[in-house]
C-alpha atoms as a PDB file:
ATOM      1  CA  MET A   1    -128.924 -20.757 -71.639  1.00  0.00           C
ATOM      2  CA  ILE A   2    -129.973 -23.574 -73.987  1.00  0.00           C
ATOM      3  CA  ILE A   3    -131.670 -25.320 -71.030  1.00  0.00           C
ATOM      4  CA  ALA A   4    -133.633 -22.133 -70.298  1.00  0.00           C
ATOM      5  CA  VAL A   5    -134.742 -21.918 -73.947  1.00  0.00           C
ATOM      6  CA  PHE A   6    -135.749 -25.594 -73.856  1.00  0.00           C
ATOM      7  CA  PHE A   7    -137.886 -25.047 -70.749  1.00  0.00           C
ATOM      8  CA  GLY A   8    -139.372 -21.924 -72.342  1.00  0.00           C
ATOM      9  CA  ILE A   9    -140.432 -23.975 -75.370  1.00  0.00           C
ATOM     10  CA  LEU A  10    -141.746 -26.746 -73.105  1.00  0.00           C
ATOM     11  CA  ILE A  11    -143.868 -24.279 -71.096  1.00  0.00           C
ATOM     12  CA  LEU A  12    -145.214 -22.767 -74.340  1.00  0.00           C
ATOM     13  CA  ILE A  13    -146.178 -26.238 -75.601  1.00  0.00           C
ATOM     14  CA  ILE A  14    -147.939 -27.144 -72.321  1.00  0.00           C
ATOM     15  CA  VAL A  15    -149.809 -23.829 -72.172  1.00  0.00           C
ATOM     16  CA  GLY A  16    -150.583 -24.081 -75.888  1.00  0.00           C
ATOM     17  CA  LEU A  17    -152.055 -27.572 -75.509  1.00  0.00           C
ATOM     18  CA  TYR A  18    -154.140 -26.469 -72.514  1.00  0.00           C
ATOM     19  CA  VAL A  19    -155.460 -23.431 -74.395  1.00  0.00           C
ATOM     20  CA  ALA A  20    -156.059 -25.605 -77.471  1.00  0.00           C
ATOM     21  CA  TYR A  21    -158.108 -28.065 -75.394  1.00  0.00           C
ATOM     22  CA  ILE A  22    -160.331 -25.233 -74.119  1.00  0.00           C
ATOM     23  CA  TYR A  23    -160.707 -23.539 -77.506  1.00  0.00           C
ATOM     24  CA  ILE A  24    -161.357 -26.774 -79.445  1.00  0.00           C
ATOM     25  CA  LYS A  25    -164.443 -27.243 -77.255  1.00  0.00           C
ATOM     26  CA  GLN A  26    -165.583 -23.803 -78.434  1.00  0.00           C
ATOM     27  CA  LYS A  27    -164.474 -24.563 -82.029  1.00  0.00           C
ATOM     28  CA  PHE A  28    -161.984 -21.668 -82.275  1.00  0.00           C
ATOM     29  CA  ILE A  29    -159.104 -23.822 -83.512  1.00  0.00           C
ATOM     30  CA  TRP A  30    -157.732 -21.009 -85.716  1.00  0.00           C
ATOM     31  CA  VAL A  31    -157.259 -18.800 -82.623  1.00  0.00           C
ATOM     32  CA  VAL A  32    -155.120 -21.522 -81.050  1.00  0.00           C
ATOM     33  CA  GLY A  33    -153.056 -21.803 -84.222  1.00  0.00           C
ATOM     34  CA  ILE A  34    -152.360 -18.067 -84.205  1.00  0.00           C
ATOM     35  CA  LEU A  35    -151.468 -18.086 -80.484  1.00  0.00           C
ATOM     36  CA  LEU A  36    -149.078 -21.024 -80.909  1.00  0.00           C
ATOM     37  CA  LEU A  37    -147.490 -19.425 -83.974  1.00  0.00           C
ATOM     38  CA  LEU A  38    -146.999 -16.085 -82.184  1.00  0.00           C
ATOM     39  CA  GLY A  39    -145.585 -17.859 -79.125  1.00  0.00           C
ATOM     40  CA  THR A  40    -143.157 -19.845 -81.252  1.00  0.00           C
ATOM     41  CA  LEU A  41    -142.034 -16.773 -83.226  1.00  0.00           C
ATOM     42  CA  PHE A  42    -141.589 -14.752 -80.017  1.00  0.00           C
ATOM     43  CA  ASN A  43    -139.535 -17.503 -78.387  1.00  0.00           C
ATOM     44  CA  TRP A  44    -137.427 -17.913 -81.571  1.00  0.00           C
ATOM     45  CA  PHE A  45    -136.847 -14.122 -81.634  1.00  0.00           C
ATOM     46  CA  LEU A  46    -135.728 -14.082 -77.979  1.00  0.00           C
ATOM     47  CA  TYR A  47    -133.470 -17.103 -78.578  1.00  0.00           C
ATOM     48  CA  ASN A  48    -131.757 -15.467 -81.580  1.00  0.00           C
ATOM     49  CA  LYS A  49    -131.467 -12.137 -79.740  1.00  0.00           C
ATOM     50  CA  TYR A  50    -129.729 -13.617 -76.696  1.00  0.00           C
ATOM     51  CA  LEU A  51    -127.639 -16.052 -78.746  1.00  0.00           C
ATOM     52  CA  SER A  52    -126.325 -13.275 -81.009  1.00  0.00           C
ATOM     53  CA  LYS A  53    -125.498 -11.135 -77.939  1.00  0.00           C
ATOM     54  CA  LYS A  54    -123.646 -14.066 -76.398  1.00  0.00           C
ATOM     55  CA  TYR A  55    -121.514 -14.565 -79.517  1.00  0.00           C
ATOM     56  CA  ARG A  56    -120.808 -10.837 -79.845  1.00  0.00           C
ATOM     57  CA  ILE A  57    -119.540 -10.731 -76.262  1.00  0.00           C
ATOM     58  CA  ARG A  58    -117.228 -13.712 -76.924  1.00  0.00           C
ATOM     59  CA  GLU A  59    -115.789 -12.098 -80.049  1.00  0.00           C
END
């Protein structure tokens, strides 16, 4: 599960950097910042959701 989360973060970083490279050329750096922030928050939310479920099942 932790490996899956790690790869999820890695994919988000790669996609984020690619999008950032495109948008920096068009000078929309703030859009990239928002996209990266939303992606990070979404991934953190999914991680906490599945982690809390996992612990509840164990208990």
